[in-house]
Amino acid sequence: MFTVARPADAASADQHRYIPAAMLYVGLPAYLGVVAFSVRDLLESKDGLTAGAGIAGMVVFTAAFFWLTFDFISRQHEQSRVVAIAVMCAMTVGLALLGVTTAVFGAAAAAMAGESLPPRHAIPVIIGASAVVTATAITHDFDGPEVVSQAIIVFVVGFFTFGSRRLAESNQQLFEAREEVARLAVLDERVRFARDLHDLLGHSLTVIRAKSELAGRLAPVDAAKAAQEMHEVERVAREALAEVRETVTGYRRPTLATELANARSALDAANISAVLNIDAIDVPAAVDETLAWVLRELVTNVVRHSRAACCWIEVGNENNSFVLAVADDGRGSDAGAMGNGLIGARERLALVDGTLDLVDGGPGFRVRARIPA
């Protein structure tokens, strides 16, 4: 039931690990090999000034490429990466103007753009790099298949990296959503468990207290009756323990009929007259269980807080709704007052689209629960 989430920074860093690894172990050696051949070609086929400018452009491009590759591991310089990619794109165009074949440089710039930039910027950069490489190949009199292949290489490398980044982000979002769902499930289970324990123990302990007080009053005048009440205390305590165990394992399913009998017993023990008006209605299982929990909480409140002499309980069908009403002639409560028990009862009713209302008028405290049929 309980899960341990990884730190967000570790999770976000992990989603990019595979790209730097591919660049370090596969991309960099291949890139350096191609650059070495490009330097040799420049020295053999160009004059000294052109060769020097081309080599300087390659050095600047390679520096930006290395900086970006190693910065992907730490992810600390978001804005600087944009500048570095712009430098790479500018060097690619400059090398093309100097007559250097630029397929590897265009592919590297497209890959970095696809990995780092948002879609609205990455896609134009990838397409632009492919266009520059295509134009350079044409000016070098490459044949048709070579021109197409170089353009496709840049295009595929750029969009492969772009797609890998988007996939990694989607996977990270799914991971975070799964963690959030697990966290909410744990929270919901904790709320349910706390609500069940409150209803179970609140009712049982209230009955135990009421019967113990009754036994104390009877002891001087009727020892046999007092002993009988203490046996009832023992029975209620044993049932409460069993109910807690059942609740912990998730199998507790109270019924309205059982809780009506328990309500009469608890009210009698508290010396409160119980008046029950129960219509024979066919209640679905989910509604029956919800009304049972709500009745338990309402009767517990009457016994513990009302100081009433009489309590009225009504169950019936009204305007195509199942209705449970509990009223007493006690001291009442502040208008709109909702303790933890009533809040829990309202939450239970909300799960079956029901409502819980405090009814004004008359002495005492009156509550009405309604669940649409």
Protein backbone atom coordinates (compact mmCIF):
# COMPACT_ATOMS: atom_id res chain seq x y z
CA MET A 1 0.00 0.00 0.00
CA PHE A 2 2.78 2.43 0.86
CA THR A 3 5.33 3.43 -1.76
CA VAL A 4 8.62 5.27 -1.61
CA ALA A 5 9.03 7.88 -4.32
CA ARG A 6 12.40 8.75 -5.80
CA PRO A 7 13.53 12.36 -5.38
CA ALA A 8 12.24 14.50 -8.22
CA ASP A 9 15.71 15.75 -9.14
CA ALA A 10 17.07 12.22 -9.44
CA ALA A 11 14.12 11.15 -11.57
CA SER A 12 14.46 14.11 -13.92
CA ALA A 13 18.19 13.54 -14.28
CA ASP A 14 17.73 9.86 -15.10
CA GLN A 15 15.55 10.58 -18.10
CA HIS A 16 18.53 12.09 -19.99
CA ARG A 17 21.26 9.65 -19.00
CA TYR A 18 21.04 7.54 -22.14
CA ILE A 19 21.63 10.50 -24.51
CA PRO A 20 24.96 11.66 -22.96
CA ALA A 21 26.10 8.03 -22.81
CA ALA A 22 25.44 7.56 -26.52
CA MET A 23 27.23 10.80 -27.29
CA LEU A 24 30.25 9.97 -25.13
CA TYR A 25 30.81 6.38 -26.20
CA VAL A 26 29.60 6.43 -29.82
CA GLY A 27 29.04 9.98 -31.09
CA LEU A 28 32.24 11.68 -29.93
CA PRO A 29 34.75 9.21 -31.41
CA ALA A 30 32.90 9.21 -34.73
CA TYR A 31 32.68 12.99 -34.69
CA LEU A 32 36.36 13.45 -33.92
CA GLY A 33 37.30 11.05 -36.69
CA VAL A 34 35.27 12.98 -39.25
CA VAL A 35 36.71 16.30 -38.03
CA ALA A 36 40.22 14.93 -38.47
CA PHE A 37 39.47 14.04 -42.09
CA SER A 38 37.91 17.49 -42.63
CA VAL A 39 41.05 19.18 -41.27
CA ARG A 40 43.23 17.09 -43.59
CA ASP A 41 41.08 17.98 -46.59
CA LEU A 42 41.26 21.68 -45.72
CA LEU A 43 45.03 21.63 -45.45
CA GLU A 44 45.38 19.79 -48.77
CA SER A 45 42.84 21.66 -50.89
CA LYS A 46 42.60 25.22 -49.55
CA ASP A 47 44.92 28.14 -49.20
CA GLY A 48 46.42 28.95 -45.84
CA LEU A 49 43.90 31.67 -44.89
CA THR A 50 40.85 29.59 -45.82
CA ALA A 51 42.27 26.50 -44.11
CA GLY A 52 43.01 28.50 -40.95
CA ALA A 53 39.51 30.01 -40.87
CA GLY A 54 37.97 26.57 -41.41
CA ILE A 55 40.04 24.96 -38.67
CA ALA A 56 39.16 27.83 -36.30
CA GLY A 57 35.48 27.32 -37.10
CA MET A 58 35.81 23.60 -36.38
CA VAL A 59 37.54 24.32 -33.07
CA VAL A 60 34.75 26.69 -32.01
CA PHE A 61 32.10 24.19 -33.17
CA THR A 62 33.85 21.33 -31.34
CA ALA A 63 34.16 23.36 -28.14
CA ALA A 64 30.44 24.12 -28.17
CA PHE A 65 29.67 20.50 -28.99
CA PHE A 66 31.79 19.20 -26.11
CA TRP A 67 30.37 21.74 -23.68
CA LEU A 68 26.81 20.79 -24.58
CA THR A 69 27.53 17.07 -24.39
CA PHE A 70 28.93 17.24 -20.87
CA ASP A 71 26.38 19.80 -19.69
CA PHE A 72 23.57 17.38 -20.56
CA ILE A 73 24.66 15.29 -17.56
CA SER A 74 24.17 18.10 -15.02
CA ARG A 75 21.41 20.11 -16.71
CA GLN A 76 22.46 23.35 -15.03
CA HIS A 77 22.81 25.89 -17.87
CA GLU A 78 19.53 26.03 -19.77
CA GLN A 79 20.02 29.47 -21.32
CA SER A 80 23.70 28.89 -22.15
CA ARG A 81 22.81 25.77 -24.13
CA VAL A 82 20.67 27.87 -26.45
CA VAL A 83 23.65 30.16 -27.09
CA ALA A 84 25.93 27.17 -27.72
CA ILE A 85 23.49 25.70 -30.26
CA ALA A 86 23.30 29.08 -32.01
CA VAL A 87 27.10 29.10 -32.20
CA MET A 88 27.10 25.60 -33.70
CA CYS A 89 24.52 26.61 -36.31
CA ALA A 90 26.54 29.71 -37.21
CA MET A 91 29.75 27.68 -37.54
CA THR A 92 27.94 25.14 -39.74
CA VAL A 93 26.87 27.92 -42.12
CA GLY A 94 30.35 29.47 -42.02
CA LEU A 95 32.06 26.17 -42.82
CA ALA A 96 29.64 25.64 -45.69
CA LEU A 97 30.59 29.07 -47.11
CA LEU A 98 34.27 28.10 -46.84
CA GLY A 99 33.57 25.04 -48.92
CA VAL A 100 33.83 22.44 -46.13
CA THR A 101 31.48 19.46 -46.36
CA THR A 102 29.16 19.95 -43.42
CA ALA A 103 27.15 16.75 -43.03
CA VAL A 104 28.66 15.81 -39.67
CA PHE A 105 28.44 19.38 -38.37
CA GLY A 106 24.84 19.76 -39.48
CA ALA A 107 23.93 16.41 -37.91
CA ALA A 108 25.60 17.39 -34.62
CA ALA A 109 23.85 20.79 -34.56
CA ALA A 110 20.50 19.16 -35.39
CA ALA A 111 20.98 16.55 -32.65
CA MET A 112 21.78 19.17 -30.02
CA ALA A 113 18.84 21.32 -31.10
CA GLY A 114 16.46 18.35 -30.97
CA GLU A 115 17.67 17.42 -27.51
CA SER A 116 17.69 20.89 -25.93
CA LEU A 117 15.29 23.25 -27.64
CA PRO A 118 11.50 23.35 -27.42
CA PRO A 119 9.65 22.04 -30.50
CA ARG A 120 8.89 25.50 -31.96
CA HIS A 121 12.66 26.18 -32.14
CA ALA A 122 14.10 22.69 -32.57
CA ILE A 123 12.16 21.79 -35.71
CA PRO A 124 13.23 24.90 -37.72
CA VAL A 125 16.86 24.34 -36.66
CA ILE A 126 16.78 20.70 -37.80
CA ILE A 127 15.19 21.59 -41.12
CA GLY A 128 17.64 24.49 -41.57
CA ALA A 129 20.66 22.26 -40.85
CA SER A 130 19.40 19.74 -43.37
CA ALA A 131 18.98 22.51 -45.95
CA VAL A 132 22.52 23.85 -45.35
CA VAL A 133 24.00 20.38 -45.74
CA THR A 134 22.00 19.83 -48.92
CA ALA A 135 23.16 23.13 -50.40
CA THR A 136 26.78 22.37 -49.50
CA ALA A 137 26.60 18.94 -51.11
CA ILE A 138 25.19 20.46 -54.29
CA THR A 139 27.94 23.10 -54.46
CA HIS A 140 30.54 20.33 -54.11
CA ASP A 141 29.02 18.60 -57.14
CA PHE A 142 27.91 15.53 -55.22
CA ASP A 143 25.71 13.23 -57.25
CA GLY A 144 21.98 12.97 -56.53
CA PRO A 145 22.03 9.96 -54.17
CA GLU A 146 24.83 11.52 -52.07
CA VAL A 147 22.96 14.81 -51.77
CA VAL A 148 19.78 13.03 -50.68
CA SER A 149 21.60 10.72 -48.28
CA GLN A 150 23.41 13.57 -46.50
CA ALA A 151 20.18 15.55 -46.14
CA ILE A 152 18.37 12.46 -44.82
CA ILE A 153 21.15 11.71 -42.30
CA VAL A 154 20.92 15.19 -40.78
CA PHE A 155 17.13 15.07 -40.82
CA VAL A 156 16.93 11.61 -39.21
CA VAL A 157 19.58 12.33 -36.56
CA GLY A 158 17.90 15.58 -35.57
CA PHE A 159 14.39 14.19 -35.35
CA PHE A 160 15.55 10.96 -33.67
CA THR A 161 17.12 13.01 -30.89
CA PHE A 162 14.08 15.27 -30.80
CA GLY A 163 11.75 12.27 -30.50
CA SER A 164 13.94 10.62 -27.86
CA ARG A 165 13.78 13.75 -25.73
CA ARG A 166 10.00 13.98 -26.06
CA LEU A 167 9.68 10.28 -25.22
CA ALA A 168 11.86 10.71 -22.14
CA GLU A 169 9.73 13.66 -21.00
CA SER A 170 6.53 11.68 -21.55
CA ASN A 171 7.91 8.75 -19.57
CA GLN A 172 8.89 11.11 -16.76
CA GLN A 173 5.41 12.64 -16.72
CA LEU A 174 3.87 9.16 -16.58
CA PHE A 175 6.20 8.24 -13.73
CA GLU A 176 5.24 11.38 -11.80
CA ALA A 177 1.54 10.74 -12.48
CA ARG A 178 1.88 7.19 -11.19
CA GLU A 179 3.63 8.46 -8.06
CA GLU A 180 0.85 11.01 -7.53
CA VAL A 181 -1.86 8.37 -7.98
CA ALA A 182 -0.08 6.12 -5.47
CA ARG A 183 0.24 9.01 -3.02
CA LEU A 184 -3.45 9.91 -3.34
CA ALA A 185 -4.42 6.24 -2.93
CA VAL A 186 -2.43 6.03 0.30
CA LEU A 187 -3.98 9.28 1.51
CA ASP A 188 -7.49 8.09 0.66
CA GLU A 189 -6.87 4.80 2.45
CA ARG A 190 -5.61 6.63 5.52
CA VAL A 191 -8.71 8.83 5.55
CA ARG A 192 -10.98 5.79 5.17
CA PHE A 193 -9.14 3.91 7.90
CA ALA A 194 -9.24 6.88 10.30
CA ARG A 195 -12.96 7.38 9.60
CA ASP A 196 -13.75 3.71 10.21
CA LEU A 197 -11.79 3.61 13.45
CA HIS A 198 -13.43 6.82 14.64
CA ASP A 199 -16.90 5.44 13.98
CA LEU A 200 -16.14 2.03 15.46
CA LEU A 201 -14.29 3.06 18.58
CA GLY A 202 -16.34 6.19 19.18
CA HIS A 203 -19.57 4.21 19.26
CA SER A 204 -18.21 1.23 21.20
CA LEU A 205 -16.42 3.30 23.83
CA THR A 206 -19.48 5.47 24.27
CA VAL A 207 -21.64 2.38 24.91
CA ILE A 208 -19.03 1.03 27.33
CA ARG A 209 -18.98 4.31 29.21
CA ALA A 210 -22.76 4.51 29.38
CA LYS A 211 -23.16 0.91 30.59
CA SER A 212 -20.34 1.32 33.13
CA GLU A 213 -22.05 4.41 34.55
CA LEU A 214 -25.34 2.53 34.66
CA ALA A 215 -23.69 -0.39 36.48
CA GLY A 216 -22.18 2.05 38.96
CA ARG A 217 -25.60 3.53 39.71
CA LEU A 218 -27.20 0.08 40.04
CA ALA A 219 -24.49 -1.49 42.24
CA PRO A 220 -25.80 -0.09 45.57
CA VAL A 221 -29.43 -1.06 44.87
CA ASP A 222 -29.35 -4.04 42.49
CA ALA A 223 -26.08 -5.94 42.40
CA ALA A 224 -27.41 -8.58 40.02
CA LYS A 225 -28.51 -5.98 37.49
CA ALA A 226 -25.18 -4.17 37.87
CA ALA A 227 -23.32 -7.42 37.19
CA GLN A 228 -25.46 -7.99 34.10
CA GLU A 229 -24.55 -4.54 32.80
CA MET A 230 -20.86 -5.26 33.37
CA HIS A 231 -21.23 -8.46 31.37
CA GLU A 232 -22.69 -6.26 28.62
CA VAL A 233 -19.63 -4.01 28.92
CA GLU A 234 -17.42 -7.06 28.42
CA ARG A 235 -19.48 -8.15 25.40
CA VAL A 236 -19.34 -4.71 23.76
CA ALA A 237 -15.58 -4.49 24.36
CA ARG A 238 -15.07 -7.92 22.78
CA GLU A 239 -17.19 -6.97 19.77
CA ALA A 240 -15.33 -3.69 19.42
CA LEU A 241 -12.01 -5.53 19.33
CA ALA A 242 -13.32 -7.90 16.67
CA GLU A 243 -14.69 -5.00 14.62
CA VAL A 244 -11.35 -3.19 14.75
CA ARG A 245 -9.59 -6.32 13.54
CA GLU A 246 -12.10 -6.70 10.70
CA THR A 247 -11.71 -3.06 9.76
CA VAL A 248 -7.93 -3.34 9.67
CA THR A 249 -8.21 -6.20 7.19
CA GLY A 250 -10.81 -4.31 5.17
CA TYR A 251 -13.65 -6.81 5.60
CA ARG A 252 -15.98 -4.90 7.90
CA ARG A 253 -19.40 -4.36 6.29
CA PRO A 254 -21.99 -3.15 8.79
CA THR A 255 -25.69 -3.42 7.97
CA LEU A 256 -28.50 -1.02 8.74
CA ALA A 257 -30.52 -3.68 10.57
CA THR A 258 -27.60 -4.48 12.87
CA GLU A 259 -26.91 -0.84 13.60
CA LEU A 260 -30.57 -0.18 14.40
CA ALA A 261 -30.42 -2.92 17.04
CA ASN A 262 -27.12 -1.55 18.35
CA ALA A 263 -28.61 1.94 18.45
CA ARG A 264 -31.52 0.82 20.61
CA SER A 265 -29.12 -0.96 22.98
CA ALA A 266 -26.80 2.06 23.24
CA LEU A 267 -29.69 4.48 23.85
CA ASP A 268 -31.19 2.22 26.51
CA ALA A 269 -27.84 1.99 28.28
CA ALA A 270 -27.63 5.80 28.31
CA ASN A 271 -31.19 5.99 29.73
CA ILE A 272 -32.49 7.60 26.55
CA SER A 273 -35.84 6.46 25.19
CA ALA A 274 -35.55 5.17 21.62
CA VAL A 275 -38.43 5.71 19.19
CA LEU A 276 -37.85 3.93 15.86
CA ASN A 277 -39.99 4.48 12.78
CA ILE A 278 -38.65 2.12 10.12
CA ASP A 279 -40.32 1.65 6.74
CA ALA A 280 -39.67 -1.63 4.92
CA ILE A 281 -37.57 -0.50 1.95
CA ASP A 282 -35.33 -2.37 -0.45
CA VAL A 283 -31.94 -0.73 0.06
CA PRO A 284 -28.96 -1.56 -2.19
CA ALA A 285 -25.92 -2.99 -0.43
CA ALA A 286 -23.76 0.13 -0.85
CA VAL A 287 -26.53 2.39 0.45
CA ASP A 288 -27.29 0.01 3.34
CA GLU A 289 -23.66 0.02 4.45
CA THR A 290 -23.39 3.81 4.19
CA LEU A 291 -26.60 4.40 6.17
CA ALA A 292 -25.37 1.92 8.79
CA TRP A 293 -22.13 3.86 9.30
CA VAL A 294 -23.99 7.17 9.41
CA LEU A 295 -26.56 5.87 11.91
CA ARG A 296 -23.78 4.61 14.16
CA GLU A 297 -22.12 8.03 14.20
CA LEU A 298 -25.36 9.94 14.78
CA VAL A 299 -26.45 7.71 17.66
CA THR A 300 -22.97 7.97 19.18
CA ASN A 301 -23.30 11.75 19.13
CA VAL A 302 -26.70 11.56 20.82
CA VAL A 303 -25.37 9.30 23.59
CA ARG A 304 -22.22 11.32 24.17
CA HIS A 305 -23.31 14.90 23.81
CA SER A 306 -27.06 15.43 23.80
CA ARG A 307 -28.14 14.82 27.43
CA ALA A 308 -31.47 13.95 25.84
CA ALA A 309 -34.38 12.01 27.30
CA CYS A 310 -35.65 10.74 23.94
CA CYS A 311 -34.23 10.01 20.51
CA TRP A 312 -36.23 9.49 17.30
CA ILE A 313 -34.85 7.47 14.41
CA GLU A 314 -36.62 7.31 11.05
CA VAL A 315 -35.68 5.33 7.96
CA GLY A 316 -37.75 5.49 4.82
CA ASN A 317 -38.12 6.41 1.18
CA GLU A 318 -39.00 9.99 0.30
CA ASN A 319 -39.12 11.65 -3.12
CA ASN A 320 -37.19 8.79 -4.70
CA SER A 321 -34.47 9.01 -2.07
CA PHE A 322 -33.47 6.89 0.91
CA VAL A 323 -33.73 8.99 4.04
CA LEU A 324 -32.31 8.52 7.53
CA ALA A 325 -33.32 11.07 10.17
CA VAL A 326 -32.11 11.21 13.77
CA ALA A 327 -33.45 13.74 16.28
CA ASP A 328 -33.27 14.21 20.04
CA ASP A 329 -34.71 16.56 22.67
CA GLY A 330 -31.39 17.36 24.28
CA ARG A 331 -29.37 20.52 24.60
CA GLY A 332 -28.71 20.88 20.87
CA SER A 333 -25.57 22.36 19.36
CA ASP A 334 -24.23 25.50 17.75
CA ALA A 335 -25.80 26.25 14.40
CA GLY A 336 -23.93 24.53 11.63
CA ALA A 337 -21.56 22.78 14.04
CA MET A 338 -19.84 19.81 12.40
CA GLY A 339 -17.44 17.69 14.43
CA ASN A 340 -15.09 15.06 13.03
CA GLY A 341 -17.77 12.37 13.22
CA LEU A 342 -20.34 14.36 11.23
CA ILE A 343 -17.69 15.38 8.72
CA GLY A 344 -16.80 11.71 8.27
CA ALA A 345 -20.48 10.83 7.86
CA ARG A 346 -20.85 13.53 5.22
CA GLU A 347 -17.80 12.16 3.37
CA ARG A 348 -19.27 8.66 3.39
CA LEU A 349 -22.54 9.96 1.98
CA ALA A 350 -20.75 11.93 -0.70
CA LEU A 351 -19.29 8.67 -2.03
CA VAL A 352 -22.83 7.55 -2.97
CA ASP A 353 -24.00 11.06 -3.99
CA GLY A 354 -25.76 11.53 -0.67
CA THR A 355 -26.06 14.58 1.58
CA LEU A 356 -26.12 15.26 5.30
CA ASP A 357 -28.05 18.27 6.61
CA LEU A 358 -28.54 19.79 10.04
CA VAL A 359 -32.25 20.53 10.39
CA ASP A 360 -33.29 23.74 12.13
CA GLY A 361 -36.35 24.09 14.33
CA GLY A 362 -37.46 22.40 17.53
CA PRO A 363 -35.40 21.51 20.55
CA GLY A 364 -32.36 19.28 20.52
CA PHE A 365 -30.25 18.24 17.57
CA ARG A 366 -31.73 16.98 14.29
CA VAL A 367 -29.83 15.49 11.39
CA ARG A 368 -31.12 14.22 8.07
CA ALA A 369 -29.18 12.02 5.63
CA ARG A 370 -30.45 11.55 2.08
CA ILE A 371 -29.21 9.24 -0.69
CA PRO A 372 -30.80 9.32 -4.17
CA ALA A 373 -32.43 6.01 -5.05
